[in-house]
């Protein structure tokens, strides 16, 4: 129960008008909010990971696969631990932008768009701070929020809040792009060799950020 002081309480009409203004602001903000993954969409995680692995003395045996345990010919669980170690490392401060992401993000921001990041990087708070700093240094103040999930975690719960909103959802992982479409989001899949074989009429593809900007701005 919310109690109001008689001296401060608004009359019913004022309360209604205030509520309408708040709702309108929220709707306007959501209409200009783009949900996005980070690694493989905004940042070039893969190149940085391979550079880190090389610095640790690991040799990549194949460049034709995105499955890291195959690329390094190591047990899957061992590679998973290395990915966790990498995602919790100081390297998170300095990942480079993916392709033309800086120009594309700036173009959308100039049109009033903001971004909400949902990234399955790490739950470590310090790694999360490094990710936020990395994004701000590259793209500026364009993020409404950066939500960090556990390494490789599913995004079902994080995206459920936006069910039926029709918001744009940028991803490179096929399963997450499908999840977005299932929830009524406008999924845009960033092209990579690891998702090239998949197709769904609800999901549009983009090879570059110039493609993404064109699809959003028209």
Protein backbone atom coordinates (compact mmCIF):
# COMPACT_ATOMS: atom_id res chain seq x y z
CA UNK A 1 0.00 0.00 0.00
CA UNK A 2 1.25 3.50 -0.87
CA UNK A 3 0.22 6.33 1.46
CA UNK A 4 0.13 9.99 0.38
CA UNK A 5 0.34 13.08 2.56
CA UNK A 6 -2.84 15.15 2.08
CA UNK A 7 -0.71 18.21 1.39
CA UNK A 8 1.39 16.49 -1.25
CA UNK A 9 -1.11 14.16 -2.84
CA UNK A 10 -2.11 14.88 -6.42
CA UNK A 11 -5.73 14.77 -7.47
CA UNK A 12 -6.87 11.85 -9.60
CA UNK A 13 -6.55 13.71 -12.88
CA UNK A 14 -2.97 14.77 -12.10
CA UNK A 15 -2.05 11.23 -11.13
CA UNK A 16 -3.55 9.92 -14.37
CA UNK A 17 -1.70 12.49 -16.49
CA UNK A 18 1.56 11.77 -14.70
CA UNK A 19 1.11 8.02 -15.23
CA UNK A 20 0.41 8.55 -18.93
CA UNK A 21 3.58 10.64 -19.29
CA UNK A 22 5.65 7.95 -17.57
CA UNK A 23 4.20 5.22 -19.78
CA UNK A 24 4.78 7.29 -22.91
CA UNK A 25 8.41 7.87 -21.95
CA UNK A 26 8.90 4.15 -21.40
CA UNK A 27 7.30 3.30 -24.74
CA UNK A 28 9.36 5.92 -26.56
CA UNK A 29 12.53 4.62 -24.93
CA UNK A 30 11.73 1.00 -25.82
CA UNK A 31 10.90 1.98 -29.40
CA UNK A 32 14.42 3.36 -29.68
CA UNK A 33 16.13 0.54 -27.76
CA UNK A 34 18.02 -2.16 -29.65
CA UNK A 35 18.78 -5.37 -27.78
CA UNK A 36 22.14 -6.85 -28.70
CA UNK A 37 24.59 -9.59 -27.99
CA UNK A 38 28.20 -8.40 -27.73
CA UNK A 39 30.71 -11.08 -28.73
CA UNK A 40 30.53 -11.77 -32.44
CA UNK A 41 28.18 -8.80 -32.91
CA UNK A 42 29.87 -5.69 -31.54
CA UNK A 43 33.22 -7.11 -30.44
CA UNK A 44 35.65 -9.48 -32.16
CA UNK A 45 35.88 -12.02 -29.36
CA UNK A 46 37.13 -14.86 -31.54
CA UNK A 47 40.32 -13.14 -32.76
CA UNK A 48 41.16 -12.00 -29.23
CA UNK A 49 40.64 -15.51 -27.87
CA UNK A 50 42.98 -17.02 -30.45
CA UNK A 51 45.61 -14.38 -29.66
CA UNK A 52 45.25 -15.15 -25.94
CA UNK A 53 45.53 -18.89 -26.58
CA UNK A 54 48.70 -18.32 -28.60
CA UNK A 55 50.15 -16.26 -25.75
CA UNK A 56 49.55 -19.27 -23.49
CA UNK A 57 51.37 -21.60 -25.87
CA UNK A 58 48.31 -23.37 -27.31
CA UNK A 59 48.42 -24.28 -30.99
CA UNK A 60 45.34 -24.06 -33.18
CA UNK A 61 45.10 -27.06 -35.50
CA UNK A 62 42.11 -25.91 -37.54
CA UNK A 63 40.77 -22.54 -38.65
CA UNK A 64 37.72 -24.04 -40.33
CA UNK A 65 35.59 -24.42 -37.21
CA UNK A 66 34.08 -22.25 -34.47
CA UNK A 67 34.12 -25.18 -32.01
CA UNK A 68 37.18 -24.31 -29.94
CA UNK A 69 37.81 -27.84 -28.69
CA UNK A 70 37.97 -28.97 -32.32
CA UNK A 71 40.13 -26.04 -33.38
CA UNK A 72 42.66 -26.82 -30.64
CA UNK A 73 42.16 -30.60 -30.62
CA UNK A 74 41.50 -30.62 -26.89
CA UNK A 75 38.72 -32.08 -24.71
CA UNK A 76 35.58 -29.96 -24.69
CA UNK A 77 35.55 -29.45 -20.91
CA UNK A 78 39.20 -28.36 -20.94
CA UNK A 79 38.48 -25.72 -23.59
CA UNK A 80 35.40 -24.57 -21.71
CA UNK A 81 37.58 -23.86 -18.66
CA UNK A 82 39.99 -21.90 -20.85
CA UNK A 83 37.11 -19.82 -22.26
CA UNK A 84 35.98 -19.06 -18.69
CA UNK A 85 39.54 -18.07 -17.77
CA UNK A 86 39.81 -15.83 -20.82
CA UNK A 87 36.44 -14.17 -20.18
CA UNK A 88 37.52 -13.38 -16.62
CA UNK A 89 40.90 -12.03 -17.66
CA UNK A 90 42.22 -8.48 -18.13
CA UNK A 91 41.86 -9.03 -21.89
CA UNK A 92 38.21 -8.04 -21.50
CA UNK A 93 39.30 -4.42 -21.35
CA UNK A 94 40.57 -4.31 -24.86
CA UNK A 95 38.64 -6.41 -27.39
CA UNK A 96 38.47 -4.79 -30.81
CA UNK A 97 35.23 -3.90 -32.60
CA UNK A 98 33.78 -6.40 -35.03
CA UNK A 99 34.05 -5.24 -38.64
CA UNK A 100 32.42 -1.81 -39.09
CA UNK A 101 30.63 -1.83 -35.73
CA UNK A 102 31.92 1.58 -34.59
CA UNK A 103 30.55 3.35 -37.66
CA UNK A 104 27.28 1.41 -37.60
CA UNK A 105 26.59 1.99 -33.92
CA UNK A 106 27.36 5.71 -34.33
CA UNK A 107 24.92 5.91 -37.23
CA UNK A 108 22.09 4.38 -35.21
CA UNK A 109 22.92 6.47 -32.15
CA UNK A 110 22.76 9.61 -34.29
CA UNK A 111 19.18 8.64 -35.13
CA UNK A 112 18.31 8.41 -31.45
CA UNK A 113 18.78 4.69 -30.86
CA UNK A 114 20.20 3.27 -27.64
CA UNK A 115 21.45 -0.24 -26.95
CA UNK A 116 20.73 -2.83 -24.30
CA UNK A 117 23.45 -5.47 -24.11
CA UNK A 118 22.81 -9.05 -23.03
CA UNK A 119 26.11 -10.94 -23.02
CA UNK A 120 26.93 -14.44 -21.76
CA UNK A 121 30.46 -13.45 -20.82
CA UNK A 122 30.92 -13.88 -17.08
CA UNK A 123 29.30 -13.24 -13.71
CA UNK A 124 32.56 -11.90 -12.31
CA UNK A 125 31.82 -8.25 -11.41
CA UNK A 126 35.32 -7.05 -12.28
CA UNK A 127 35.22 -8.72 -15.68
CA UNK A 128 31.85 -7.07 -16.17
CA UNK A 129 33.33 -3.65 -15.37
CA UNK A 130 36.08 -4.25 -17.93
CA UNK A 131 33.45 -5.14 -20.51
CA UNK A 132 31.52 -1.94 -19.81
CA UNK A 133 34.71 0.12 -20.08
CA UNK A 134 35.68 -1.61 -23.33
CA UNK A 135 32.27 -0.86 -24.84
CA UNK A 136 32.24 2.75 -23.68
CA UNK A 137 35.76 3.37 -24.99
CA UNK A 138 34.83 2.03 -28.41
CA UNK A 139 31.25 3.18 -28.86
CA UNK A 140 30.69 5.98 -26.38
CA UNK A 141 27.67 6.47 -24.13
CA UNK A 142 25.14 4.50 -26.18
CA UNK A 143 24.13 1.76 -23.71
CA UNK A 144 21.06 1.85 -21.48
CA UNK A 145 22.37 -1.26 -19.73
CA UNK A 146 24.92 -4.07 -20.01
CA UNK A 147 23.62 -7.34 -18.58
CA UNK A 148 26.32 -9.96 -18.01
CA UNK A 149 25.25 -13.59 -17.73
CA UNK A 150 27.40 -16.58 -16.85
CA UNK A 151 29.84 -17.81 -19.50
CA UNK A 152 27.86 -19.45 -22.31
CA UNK A 153 24.57 -19.12 -20.39
CA UNK A 154 21.18 -19.30 -22.12
CA UNK A 155 19.37 -16.00 -22.62
CA UNK A 156 15.78 -17.20 -22.18
CA UNK A 157 15.13 -15.41 -18.90
CA UNK A 158 16.91 -12.21 -19.94
CA UNK A 159 14.87 -11.93 -23.14
CA UNK A 160 11.55 -13.02 -21.62
CA UNK A 161 11.00 -9.50 -20.26
CA UNK A 162 10.83 -8.21 -23.84
CA UNK A 163 8.40 -10.85 -25.14
CA UNK A 164 6.03 -9.44 -27.74
CA UNK A 165 7.73 -6.04 -27.82
CA UNK A 166 8.82 -6.29 -31.46
CA UNK A 167 12.22 -4.85 -30.54
CA UNK A 168 15.32 -5.51 -32.61
CA UNK A 169 17.58 -8.28 -31.31
CA UNK A 170 21.11 -8.61 -32.73
CA UNK A 171 22.82 -11.98 -32.37
CA UNK A 172 25.39 -14.25 -33.98
CA UNK A 173 24.40 -17.48 -32.23
CA UNK A 174 21.65 -19.20 -34.18
CA UNK A 175 19.82 -20.63 -31.17
CA UNK A 176 19.55 -17.21 -29.57
CA UNK A 177 18.34 -15.60 -32.78
CA UNK A 178 15.59 -18.24 -32.96
CA UNK A 179 14.76 -17.62 -29.31
CA UNK A 180 14.31 -13.94 -30.06
CA UNK A 181 12.03 -14.68 -32.98
CA UNK A 182 10.00 -17.07 -30.83
CA UNK A 183 9.52 -14.28 -28.30
CA UNK A 184 8.28 -11.84 -30.91
CA UNK A 185 11.52 -9.90 -31.36
CA UNK A 186 12.97 -8.82 -34.70
CA UNK A 187 16.05 -11.01 -34.85
CA UNK A 188 18.97 -9.91 -37.00
CA UNK A 189 21.66 -12.58 -37.34
CA UNK A 190 25.23 -11.38 -37.90
CA UNK A 191 26.85 -13.62 -40.50
CA UNK A 192 29.64 -15.97 -39.41
CA UNK A 193 30.79 -19.32 -40.82
CA UNK A 194 29.38 -21.06 -37.74
CA UNK A 195 25.79 -19.95 -38.52
CA UNK A 196 25.90 -20.06 -42.32
CA UNK A 197 23.95 -23.30 -42.69
CA UNK A 198 20.81 -22.15 -40.90
CA UNK A 199 17.71 -20.48 -42.27
CA UNK A 200 14.45 -19.15 -40.84
CA UNK A 201 12.12 -16.76 -42.66
CA UNK A 202 11.60 -14.81 -39.42
CA UNK A 203 15.30 -14.03 -39.11
CA UNK A 204 17.15 -11.63 -41.39
CA UNK A 205 20.89 -11.77 -41.94
CA UNK A 206 23.49 -9.02 -41.93
CA UNK A 207 27.12 -9.33 -43.00
CA UNK A 208 28.14 -5.88 -41.80
CA UNK A 209 26.89 -3.13 -39.54
CA UNK A 210 26.09 -1.15 -42.66
CA UNK A 211 23.57 -3.91 -43.40
CA UNK A 212 22.16 -3.65 -39.88
CA UNK A 213 21.76 0.11 -40.14
CA UNK A 214 19.96 -0.24 -43.47
CA UNK A 215 17.58 -2.85 -42.11
CA UNK A 216 16.69 -0.72 -39.07
CA UNK A 217 16.59 2.72 -40.61
CA UNK A 218 15.32 1.59 -44.01
